[in-house]
Amino acid sequence: MKNNLLFDFTVDKAAKTVVITREFAAELPLVWDAFTKPELLDQWVAPKPWASKTKYMNFEVGGKRFYAMVSPEGHERWAVQEYTSITPKTNFKMYNTFADKDENRELPGSDWDYNFSEQNDVTKVSITIFNESLARLEKMIEMGFKEGFTMSIENLEELLATLSKRQ
């Protein structure tokens, strides 16, 4: 693993955005799959000791992922992600919001814009999260989003290393 891979996490309260840029020592198709296939997402997207459980996912424009973050005690925190735009291997956009177990959404939510690029066997993922309100952005930060997302990205790095060895 390269130790000099970029990881930048910027909060812009005035624009109500979070911008995350992360490089991975893995080929773009593998990184793309890790962000777009439920069987891979569930292996990394929850910060340990939590787990991710996808109830269903349809990765197409207008499709959704309905999933829960599950605590070690079994507490479930559900969310809905609705895909609004997909350009294979380079970009996808989605609307994300918390929900209850019956998929009733808790508004407001946020728009996520994922961009993927590869250079010299390093894949860069840039994620911009646009929040509908400053209150939602501040709640995300208070809930430990940066710490949880950082832990999830570390899980992803481990998964990519394992999957890269199999290829």
Protein backbone atom coordinates (compact mmCIF):
# COMPACT_ATOMS: atom_id res chain seq x y z
CA MET A 1 0.00 0.00 0.00
CA LYS A 2 1.16 3.49 -0.79
CA ASN A 3 1.24 5.72 2.27
CA ASN A 4 1.23 8.96 0.28
CA LEU A 5 -2.31 8.63 -1.06
CA LEU A 6 -4.40 11.78 -0.90
CA PHE A 7 -7.20 12.09 1.65
CA ASP A 8 -8.83 15.49 1.96
CA PHE A 9 -12.01 16.29 3.91
CA THR A 10 -13.29 19.88 3.68
CA VAL A 11 -16.42 21.37 5.25
CA ASP A 12 -17.76 24.60 3.73
CA LYS A 13 -20.59 25.84 5.96
CA ALA A 14 -21.34 28.84 3.73
CA ALA A 15 -21.99 26.52 0.75
CA LYS A 16 -23.50 23.78 3.01
CA THR A 17 -21.10 21.25 1.46
CA VAL A 18 -18.61 18.60 2.41
CA VAL A 19 -15.96 17.75 -0.19
CA ILE A 20 -14.02 14.51 0.21
CA THR A 21 -11.16 13.52 -2.07
CA ARG A 22 -9.44 10.16 -1.63
CA GLU A 23 -6.94 8.20 -3.69
CA PHE A 24 -6.74 4.40 -3.73
CA ALA A 25 -3.96 2.10 -4.92
CA ALA A 26 -6.42 0.14 -7.07
CA GLU A 27 -7.71 0.13 -10.62
CA LEU A 28 -10.74 2.27 -11.40
CA PRO A 29 -13.12 -0.60 -12.34
CA LEU A 30 -12.53 -2.22 -8.95
CA VAL A 31 -13.07 1.05 -7.04
CA TRP A 32 -16.20 1.78 -9.10
CA ASP A 33 -17.58 -1.67 -8.23
CA ALA A 34 -16.87 -1.09 -4.53
CA PHE A 35 -19.10 2.00 -4.63
CA THR A 36 -21.86 0.54 -6.83
CA LYS A 37 -22.36 -3.14 -5.92
CA PRO A 38 -24.26 -3.97 -2.72
CA GLU A 39 -22.22 -7.09 -1.92
CA LEU A 40 -19.08 -4.90 -1.85
CA LEU A 41 -20.68 -1.82 -0.23
CA ASP A 42 -21.84 -3.94 2.70
CA GLN A 43 -18.23 -5.03 3.33
CA TRP A 44 -16.85 -1.54 3.91
CA VAL A 45 -19.36 1.29 4.17
CA ALA A 46 -20.05 1.02 7.93
CA PRO A 47 -17.43 2.09 10.48
CA LYS A 48 -16.41 -0.84 12.67
CA PRO A 49 -17.88 -2.33 14.82
CA TRP A 50 -21.05 -1.36 12.92
CA ALA A 51 -22.13 -3.33 9.84
CA SER A 52 -23.98 -2.38 6.66
CA LYS A 53 -27.04 -4.36 5.56
CA THR A 54 -28.55 -3.64 2.13
CA LYS A 55 -32.23 -4.59 1.94
CA TYR A 56 -32.31 -3.87 -1.81
CA MET A 57 -30.34 -1.94 -4.39
CA ASN A 58 -31.08 -1.09 -8.00
CA PHE A 59 -28.11 0.88 -9.39
CA GLU A 60 -29.73 2.73 -12.29
CA VAL A 61 -31.11 6.23 -12.78
CA GLY A 62 -34.27 6.37 -10.67
CA GLY A 63 -33.19 3.24 -8.78
CA LYS A 64 -32.56 3.09 -5.04
CA ARG A 65 -30.47 1.52 -2.35
CA PHE A 66 -32.30 0.93 0.95
CA TYR A 67 -29.92 -0.09 3.68
CA ALA A 68 -29.18 0.05 7.39
CA MET A 69 -26.13 0.67 9.50
CA VAL A 70 -26.40 -1.95 12.25
CA SER A 71 -24.77 -1.52 15.65
CA PRO A 72 -23.19 -4.47 17.49
CA GLU A 73 -26.31 -4.46 19.71
CA GLY A 74 -28.57 -4.75 16.65
CA HIS A 75 -29.77 -1.12 16.49
CA GLU A 76 -30.57 -0.22 12.87
CA ARG A 77 -30.18 3.25 11.32
CA TRP A 78 -31.86 3.13 7.89
CA ALA A 79 -31.19 5.31 4.84
CA VAL A 80 -32.44 5.65 1.27
CA GLN A 81 -30.17 6.55 -1.62
CA GLU A 82 -31.90 7.43 -4.90
CA TYR A 83 -29.68 7.47 -8.00
CA THR A 84 -30.28 10.59 -10.11
CA SER A 85 -27.47 10.34 -12.70
CA ILE A 86 -24.98 7.65 -13.75
CA THR A 87 -22.09 7.91 -16.19
CA PRO A 88 -20.41 4.48 -15.94
CA LYS A 89 -16.93 4.42 -14.42
CA THR A 90 -16.69 8.23 -14.11
CA ASN A 91 -19.62 9.70 -12.16
CA PHE A 92 -22.84 9.03 -10.33
CA LYS A 93 -25.14 11.26 -8.32
CA MET A 94 -27.66 10.36 -5.68
CA TYR A 95 -30.03 11.84 -3.16
CA ASN A 96 -29.46 10.48 0.35
CA THR A 97 -31.74 10.69 3.37
CA PHE A 98 -32.27 8.85 6.62
CA ALA A 99 -35.43 6.76 6.88
CA ASP A 100 -37.24 4.41 9.19
CA LYS A 101 -37.42 0.63 8.68
CA ASP A 102 -40.50 1.10 6.47
CA GLU A 103 -38.63 3.48 4.16
CA ASN A 104 -40.42 6.62 5.36
CA ARG A 105 -37.88 9.37 4.72
CA GLU A 106 -36.59 11.83 7.31
CA LEU A 107 -36.09 15.12 5.52
CA PRO A 108 -34.04 17.10 4.76
CA GLY A 109 -31.51 15.02 2.89
CA SER A 110 -28.42 15.69 0.81
CA ASP A 111 -27.23 15.37 -2.79
CA TRP A 112 -24.04 13.39 -3.35
CA ASP A 113 -21.89 13.76 -6.48
CA TYR A 114 -19.20 11.08 -6.96
CA ASN A 115 -16.40 11.53 -9.53
CA PHE A 116 -13.88 8.80 -10.40
CA SER A 117 -10.59 9.09 -12.31
CA GLU A 118 -7.45 6.98 -12.66
CA GLN A 119 -3.84 7.87 -13.28
CA ASN A 120 -0.74 5.69 -12.86
CA ASP A 121 -2.70 2.84 -11.20
CA VAL A 122 -4.13 5.22 -8.59
CA THR A 123 -7.88 5.87 -8.60
CA LYS A 124 -9.12 9.18 -7.24
CA VAL A 125 -12.64 9.51 -5.89
CA SER A 126 -14.02 12.99 -5.29
CA ILE A 127 -17.32 13.27 -3.44
CA THR A 128 -19.24 16.50 -3.00
CA ILE A 129 -22.15 16.42 -0.56
CA PHE A 130 -24.66 19.25 -0.91
CA ASN A 131 -26.88 19.62 2.15
CA GLU A 132 -30.37 21.09 1.91
CA SER A 133 -29.80 23.09 5.08
CA LEU A 134 -26.98 24.31 7.28
CA ALA A 135 -28.70 22.58 10.21
CA ARG A 136 -28.42 19.22 8.41
CA LEU A 137 -24.74 19.81 7.66
CA GLU A 138 -24.06 20.70 11.28
CA LYS A 139 -26.00 17.63 12.48
CA MET A 140 -23.91 15.40 10.15
CA ILE A 141 -20.70 16.82 11.62
CA GLU A 142 -21.99 16.54 15.22
CA MET A 143 -22.93 12.88 14.62
CA GLY A 144 -19.29 12.13 13.83
CA PHE A 145 -19.60 11.92 10.04
CA LYS A 146 -15.93 12.73 9.41
CA GLU A 147 -14.68 10.11 11.87
CA GLY A 148 -17.15 7.47 10.69
CA PHE A 149 -16.45 8.15 7.02
CA THR A 150 -12.70 8.00 7.64
CA MET A 151 -13.10 4.60 9.32
CA SER A 152 -15.25 3.37 6.42
CA ILE A 153 -12.63 4.51 3.89
CA GLU A 154 -10.00 2.55 5.83
CA ASN A 155 -12.29 -0.52 5.53
CA LEU A 156 -12.51 0.13 1.79
CA GLU A 157 -8.74 0.36 1.46
CA GLU A 158 -8.39 -3.05 3.14
CA LEU A 159 -11.09 -4.55 0.90
CA LEU A 160 -9.48 -3.15 -2.27
CA ALA A 161 -6.12 -4.57 -1.24
CA THR A 162 -7.69 -8.01 -0.77
CA LEU A 163 -9.62 -7.86 -4.05
CA SER A 164 -6.60 -6.57 -6.00
CA LYS A 165 -4.57 -9.60 -4.88
CA ARG A 166 -7.25 -11.93 -6.30
CA GLN A 167 -7.08 -10.39 -9.77
